[in-house]
Amino acid sequence: METVATMDYGSVPGVDKPVSRLVQGTVMVGSGDLDFSFRLLDEALELGINTFDTAHVYGGGDNERTVGAWVNSRGVREKVVLIGKGAHFNPDRQRVTPWDITSDLYDSLARFKTDYIDLYLLHRDDPSVPVEPIVDCLNEHLREGRIRAFGGSNWTAARLREANSYARSSGQTPFVASSPHFSLAEQYEEPWPGCVSITGAAAAGEREFYRQTQMPVFSWSSVANGFFTGRFTPDNLDSFEDGSDLLCVRCFCRADNFRRLERAQQLAAERGVTATQIALAWLLRQPINIFPLVGARSRAELEANIAALNIPLSPSEMAWLNLESDSR
């Protein structure tokens, strides 16, 4: 089937720009290959993806410096939505504290060479830390204009409710976005400590929270680390050596997911698209306010991801793909 690569946009409270429904991850962007990095970001923006996901820990700061250099060299700061993430753990301690949030935020602003970040996400949560000082800290930065909106990455619905209850009771701004893992493939193990997934039966309550609140969800590993490419089969799992591939094997390569892959491949063959596009279309048609993070590395991959916006799936096909039904 032919699809027209046109971007859809949503909104995030506090962000005064349209937010592209697909968000380009930038973990592959760095100063080691500026030609590749700038060309990829140029192509994403040209195709309508104006929202870019970054993090304080990516590349030890090189990621943010490179994205910032691109934004400033192109003069597009008011056209793009920068998602920054801070307060990630380190090997010595969990760092979800007002001091670390502030330190990481100032680092990121200096690296980007900008005076604000559109959406700032706490990269991890530490449930042993009370929500009150965290909310107070983020609101201080919001009032000072350093961030336009904030949320949590790998925060549970329970902690988001707790934080937002305090924000409302104290007359402050709440968390307005969340970034858990979500994909058609169920995540059976966390790839890194402190990760939160909303896949599988055990996370039905988490998904219901997002359905009811319609809080924007910036889902990471949206196509399960390449699982739907078909490179992974039950017979070749011991042949992978690359770190990203090993994560896919450990987290996603289970019997139920291979059944999901087979069904995605079957439907893709009928539609003239790829199984990865079917998996992305399934995610985009969830009854939540979803903004999938994707990690395209070429114009062709960018165009394929955008084309998934136009792939229709019926409710029966959605259920069949996720093994909730054996008929479609």
Protein backbone atom coordinates (compact mmCIF):
# COMPACT_ATOMS: atom_id res chain seq x y z
CA MET A 1 0.00 0.00 0.00
CA GLU A 2 1.17 3.53 -0.69
CA THR A 3 1.28 5.96 2.19
CA VAL A 4 1.89 9.68 2.17
CA ALA A 5 4.58 10.69 4.65
CA THR A 6 2.83 13.50 6.51
CA MET A 7 3.44 14.26 10.16
CA ASP A 8 0.75 14.59 12.82
CA TYR A 9 1.17 16.89 15.81
CA GLY A 10 -0.08 17.01 19.35
CA SER A 11 0.51 19.29 22.29
CA VAL A 12 2.01 19.23 25.77
CA PRO A 13 0.75 21.60 28.46
CA GLY A 14 3.28 24.40 28.88
CA VAL A 15 5.03 23.80 25.54
CA ASP A 16 3.98 26.59 23.19
CA LYS A 17 4.87 24.70 20.01
CA PRO A 18 3.27 21.79 18.18
CA VAL A 19 4.87 18.50 19.19
CA SER A 20 5.42 16.00 16.40
CA ARG A 21 3.61 12.72 17.03
CA LEU A 22 6.87 10.89 16.33
CA VAL A 23 9.92 11.98 18.32
CA GLN A 24 13.41 11.41 16.97
CA GLY A 25 15.83 9.93 19.47
CA THR A 26 19.35 11.32 19.30
CA VAL A 27 21.46 8.75 21.13
CA MET A 28 23.22 8.04 17.82
CA VAL A 29 24.12 11.73 17.34
CA GLY A 30 27.58 12.90 18.32
CA SER A 31 30.56 15.04 17.43
CA GLY A 32 32.48 12.05 16.10
CA ASP A 33 30.53 12.30 12.85
CA LEU A 34 29.02 15.74 12.51
CA ASP A 35 28.13 15.25 8.84
CA PHE A 36 25.97 12.22 9.67
CA SER A 37 24.51 13.83 12.79
CA PHE A 38 23.57 17.14 11.19
CA ARG A 39 22.24 15.47 8.04
CA LEU A 40 20.01 13.14 10.09
CA LEU A 41 18.62 16.00 12.16
CA ASP A 42 18.14 18.15 9.04
CA GLU A 43 16.20 15.35 7.35
CA ALA A 44 14.03 14.70 10.39
CA LEU A 45 13.05 18.37 10.60
CA GLU A 46 12.50 18.60 6.85
CA LEU A 47 10.07 15.66 7.09
CA GLY A 48 8.12 17.28 9.91
CA ILE A 49 9.68 15.76 13.01
CA ASN A 50 10.33 18.82 15.15
CA THR A 51 10.76 17.08 18.53
CA PHE A 52 14.07 15.56 19.64
CA ASP A 53 14.83 13.43 22.67
CA THR A 54 18.16 13.95 24.44
CA ALA A 55 19.65 13.18 27.86
CA HIS A 56 22.32 14.51 30.19
CA VAL A 57 24.02 11.08 30.31
CA TYR A 58 24.13 10.38 26.56
CA GLY A 59 27.71 10.39 25.37
CA GLY A 60 28.90 12.02 28.57
CA GLY A 61 27.45 15.32 27.37
CA ASP A 62 28.54 15.03 23.74
CA ASN A 63 24.98 14.28 22.64
CA GLU A 64 23.60 17.53 24.05
CA ARG A 65 26.52 19.57 22.74
CA THR A 66 26.02 18.15 19.25
CA VAL A 67 22.26 18.65 19.19
CA GLY A 68 22.77 22.18 20.52
CA ALA A 69 25.37 22.92 17.86
CA TRP A 70 22.92 21.78 15.17
CA VAL A 71 20.03 23.82 16.58
CA ASN A 72 22.14 26.96 16.83
CA SER A 73 23.88 26.56 13.46
CA ARG A 74 20.51 26.16 11.74
CA GLY A 75 18.77 28.93 13.69
CA VAL A 76 15.80 26.69 14.50
CA ARG A 77 15.50 27.02 18.29
CA GLU A 78 11.95 28.35 18.12
CA LYS A 79 10.92 25.66 15.63
CA VAL A 80 12.09 22.59 17.55
CA VAL A 81 10.98 21.00 20.80
CA LEU A 82 13.93 19.81 22.87
CA ILE A 83 13.28 17.05 25.38
CA GLY A 84 16.00 16.99 28.00
CA LYS A 85 16.44 14.35 30.69
CA GLY A 86 18.41 14.57 33.92
CA ALA A 87 18.87 13.03 37.38
CA HIS A 88 19.97 9.64 36.06
CA PHE A 89 21.61 7.25 38.51
CA ASN A 90 25.39 6.84 38.54
CA PRO A 91 27.39 3.85 39.82
CA ASP A 92 27.68 5.41 43.27
CA ARG A 93 24.21 6.66 44.09
CA GLN A 94 20.70 7.42 42.95
CA ARG A 95 20.60 11.09 42.02
CA VAL A 96 16.93 12.10 42.12
CA THR A 97 17.47 15.07 44.41
CA PRO A 98 16.90 18.82 44.01
CA TRP A 99 20.67 19.41 43.96
CA ASP A 100 21.30 16.86 41.19
CA ILE A 101 18.28 17.99 39.17
CA THR A 102 19.55 21.55 39.29
CA SER A 103 23.14 20.60 38.52
CA ASP A 104 22.16 18.46 35.53
CA LEU A 105 19.80 21.11 34.20
CA TYR A 106 22.48 23.82 34.29
CA ASP A 107 24.89 21.43 32.57
CA SER A 108 22.36 20.74 29.82
CA LEU A 109 21.57 24.41 29.23
CA ALA A 110 25.28 25.16 28.91
CA ARG A 111 25.80 22.28 26.50
CA PHE A 112 22.82 23.24 24.33
CA LYS A 113 23.83 26.90 24.51
CA THR A 114 20.20 27.84 25.03
CA ASP A 115 18.36 29.44 27.93
CA TYR A 116 15.48 26.97 28.17
CA ILE A 117 14.48 23.35 27.57
CA ASP A 118 10.98 22.76 26.24
CA LEU A 119 10.22 19.57 28.16
CA TYR A 120 12.43 18.39 31.01
CA LEU A 121 12.05 14.80 32.18
CA LEU A 122 13.58 13.21 35.25
CA HIS A 123 15.39 10.26 33.68
CA ARG A 124 14.79 8.00 36.69
CA ASP A 125 12.86 7.98 39.93
CA ASP A 126 13.94 7.15 43.46
CA PRO A 127 10.80 6.15 45.38
CA SER A 128 12.65 6.60 48.67
CA VAL A 129 12.80 10.36 48.03
CA PRO A 130 9.65 12.34 48.94
CA VAL A 131 7.92 13.95 45.98
CA GLU A 132 7.53 17.34 47.65
CA PRO A 133 11.10 18.68 47.26
CA ILE A 134 11.24 17.31 43.71
CA VAL A 135 8.05 19.11 42.70
CA ASP A 136 9.21 22.29 44.46
CA CYS A 137 12.56 22.19 42.64
CA LEU A 138 11.03 21.66 39.20
CA ASN A 139 8.53 24.45 39.78
CA GLU A 140 11.33 26.82 40.73
CA HIS A 141 13.05 26.15 37.40
CA LEU A 142 9.71 26.51 35.62
CA ARG A 143 9.09 29.91 37.21
CA GLU A 144 12.59 31.06 36.30
CA GLY A 145 12.00 30.06 32.66
CA ARG A 146 14.72 27.42 32.45
CA ILE A 147 12.14 24.80 31.49
CA ARG A 148 8.71 25.17 29.90
CA ALA A 149 7.23 21.89 31.15
CA PHE A 150 8.37 18.84 33.08
CA GLY A 151 7.60 15.18 33.59
CA GLY A 152 9.09 11.85 34.53
CA SER A 153 10.86 9.14 32.59
CA ASN A 154 10.50 5.70 34.20
CA TRP A 155 8.10 6.95 36.85
CA THR A 156 5.19 4.75 37.90
CA ALA A 157 1.61 5.98 37.76
CA ALA A 158 1.47 5.83 41.56
CA ARG A 159 4.41 8.22 41.93
CA LEU A 160 3.02 10.54 39.26
CA ARG A 161 -0.30 10.65 41.11
CA GLU A 162 1.50 11.37 44.37
CA ALA A 163 3.58 14.16 42.85
CA ASN A 164 0.62 15.76 41.11
CA SER A 165 -1.58 15.55 44.19
CA TYR A 166 1.05 17.54 46.09
CA ALA A 167 1.46 19.99 43.20
CA ARG A 168 -2.27 20.70 43.14
CA SER A 169 -2.56 21.02 46.92
CA SER A 170 0.36 23.47 47.01
CA GLY A 171 -0.86 25.53 44.07
CA GLN A 172 2.00 24.47 41.79
CA THR A 173 2.34 23.05 38.30
CA PRO A 174 2.16 19.23 38.06
CA PHE A 175 4.06 16.71 35.97
CA VAL A 176 2.55 16.96 32.49
CA ALA A 177 4.28 14.10 30.63
CA SER A 178 5.68 10.64 31.18
CA SER A 179 8.17 8.44 29.35
CA PRO A 180 7.90 4.73 30.12
CA HIS A 181 8.65 1.85 27.81
CA PHE A 182 5.73 0.82 25.61
CA SER A 183 5.63 -1.33 22.48
CA LEU A 184 3.71 -4.19 20.88
CA ALA A 185 6.42 -6.53 22.16
CA GLU A 186 6.10 -7.19 25.88
CA GLN A 187 9.24 -6.30 27.82
CA TYR A 188 10.07 -9.27 30.04
CA GLU A 189 13.18 -7.85 31.70
CA GLU A 190 14.26 -4.28 32.32
CA PRO A 191 17.21 -3.38 30.07
CA TRP A 192 18.77 -1.10 32.70
CA PRO A 193 18.07 -0.63 36.42
CA GLY A 194 15.17 1.62 37.27
CA CYS A 195 13.27 1.20 34.01
CA VAL A 196 9.46 1.18 33.90
CA SER A 197 7.48 -0.62 31.20
CA ILE A 198 3.73 -0.43 30.66
CA THR A 199 3.55 -3.59 28.55
CA GLY A 200 1.92 -6.85 29.61
CA ALA A 201 -0.98 -7.83 31.83
CA ALA A 202 0.79 -6.70 35.00
CA ALA A 203 0.85 -3.10 33.74
CA ALA A 204 -2.84 -2.88 32.82
CA GLY A 205 -3.40 -0.40 35.64
CA GLU A 206 -0.58 1.81 34.37
CA ARG A 207 -2.11 1.91 30.89
CA GLU A 208 -5.52 2.70 32.37
CA PHE A 209 -4.01 5.69 34.20
CA TYR A 210 -2.76 7.09 30.89
CA ARG A 211 -6.06 6.32 29.14
CA GLN A 212 -8.03 8.19 31.79
CA THR A 213 -5.71 11.16 32.22
CA GLN A 214 -4.53 11.44 28.60
CA MET A 215 -1.16 12.55 29.98
CA PRO A 216 1.26 12.65 27.02
CA VAL A 217 3.31 9.42 26.91
CA PHE A 218 6.74 9.57 25.23
CA SER A 219 7.32 5.84 24.86
CA TRP A 220 10.91 4.63 24.54
CA SER A 221 12.01 1.47 22.68
CA SER A 222 8.77 1.87 20.74
CA VAL A 223 9.66 -0.88 18.28
CA ALA A 224 11.47 -3.03 20.86
CA ASN A 225 15.12 -2.45 19.95
CA GLY A 226 14.68 -3.72 16.42
CA PHE A 227 12.78 -6.89 17.37
CA PHE A 228 10.25 -6.43 14.55
CA THR A 229 12.91 -6.29 11.83
CA GLY A 230 12.85 -10.10 11.82
CA ARG A 231 16.59 -10.36 12.43
CA PHE A 232 15.90 -12.20 15.67
CA THR A 233 14.57 -15.77 15.49
CA PRO A 234 14.25 -18.51 18.12
CA ASP A 235 17.17 -20.29 16.44
CA ASN A 236 19.78 -17.51 16.22
CA LEU A 237 19.65 -15.81 19.61
CA ASP A 238 23.11 -17.00 20.67
CA SER A 239 24.72 -15.39 17.61
CA PHE A 240 24.33 -11.75 18.64
CA GLU A 241 27.20 -9.82 20.20
CA ASP A 242 26.31 -6.13 19.83
CA GLY A 243 25.11 -4.47 23.03
CA SER A 244 21.80 -3.25 21.61
CA ASP A 245 21.12 -6.64 20.06
CA LEU A 246 21.86 -8.38 23.35
CA LEU A 247 19.36 -6.09 25.08
CA CYS A 248 16.74 -7.11 22.54
CA VAL A 249 17.50 -10.80 23.07
CA ARG A 250 17.30 -10.49 26.84
CA CYS A 251 14.26 -8.24 27.07
CA PHE A 252 12.03 -9.21 24.15
CA CYS A 253 12.97 -12.54 22.56
CA ARG A 254 10.33 -14.76 24.17
CA ALA A 255 7.75 -17.12 22.69
CA ASP A 256 4.77 -14.76 22.96
CA ASN A 257 6.67 -11.96 21.27
CA PHE A 258 7.67 -14.24 18.40
CA ARG A 259 3.95 -14.95 17.95
CA ARG A 260 3.32 -11.21 17.84
CA LEU A 261 6.13 -10.87 15.29
CA GLU A 262 4.63 -13.59 13.08
CA ARG A 263 1.26 -11.86 13.11
CA ALA A 264 2.83 -8.47 12.38
CA GLN A 265 4.74 -10.01 9.47
CA GLN A 266 1.57 -11.63 8.12
CA LEU A 267 -0.41 -8.40 8.24
CA ALA A 268 2.53 -6.43 6.84
CA ALA A 269 2.75 -8.75 3.83
CA GLU A 270 -0.94 -8.20 3.14
CA ARG A 271 -0.60 -4.41 3.42
CA GLY A 272 2.67 -4.07 1.52
CA VAL A 273 4.48 -2.57 4.51
CA THR A 274 6.95 -3.89 7.09
CA ALA A 275 6.37 -5.60 10.41
CA THR A 276 8.12 -2.69 12.14
CA GLN A 277 5.63 -0.28 10.58
CA ILE A 278 2.75 -2.48 11.76
CA ALA A 279 4.17 -2.51 15.29
CA LEU A 280 4.50 1.27 15.24
CA ALA A 281 0.99 1.69 13.83
CA TRP A 282 -0.34 -0.52 16.65
CA LEU A 283 1.29 1.77 19.19
CA LEU A 284 0.02 4.94 17.53
CA ARG A 285 -3.55 3.64 17.70
CA GLN A 286 -3.59 2.99 21.42
CA PRO A 287 -6.28 4.89 23.38
CA ILE A 288 -3.63 7.00 25.10
CA ASN A 289 -1.93 10.26 24.13
CA ILE A 290 1.16 8.61 22.67
CA PHE A 291 4.30 10.18 21.19
CA PRO A 292 6.59 7.26 20.26
CA LEU A 293 10.35 7.79 20.44
CA VAL A 294 11.99 6.33 17.35
CA GLY A 295 15.67 5.92 16.53
CA ALA A 296 15.88 6.33 12.77
CA ARG A 297 19.39 6.45 11.36
CA SER A 298 18.60 7.37 7.75
CA ARG A 299 16.09 9.28 5.65
CA ALA A 300 14.57 5.99 4.52
CA GLU A 301 13.97 4.94 8.11
CA LEU A 302 12.52 8.34 8.95
CA GLU A 303 10.11 8.09 6.02
CA ALA A 304 9.13 4.54 6.95
CA ASN A 305 8.36 5.59 10.51
CA ILE A 306 6.24 8.53 9.36
CA ALA A 307 4.37 6.29 6.92
CA ALA A 308 3.18 4.21 9.88
CA LEU A 309 0.97 7.16 10.86
CA ASN A 310 -1.21 6.34 7.86
CA ILE A 311 -1.58 2.59 8.36
CA PRO A 312 -5.12 1.79 9.54
CA LEU A 313 -5.72 -1.01 12.02
CA SER A 314 -9.15 -2.20 13.10
CA PRO A 315 -9.92 -2.99 16.76
CA SER A 316 -9.98 -6.69 15.90
CA GLU A 317 -6.58 -6.45 14.20
CA MET A 318 -5.19 -4.59 17.21
CA ALA A 319 -6.38 -7.33 19.57
CA TRP A 320 -5.12 -10.08 17.25
CA LEU A 321 -1.67 -8.55 16.99
CA ASN A 322 -1.38 -8.44 20.79
CA LEU A 323 -2.55 -12.07 21.19
CA GLU A 324 -5.82 -10.99 22.80
CA SER A 325 -7.73 -12.80 20.09
CA ASP A 326 -7.06 -15.58 17.59
CA SER A 327 -9.25 -14.08 14.89
CA ARG A 328 -9.35 -10.79 13.07
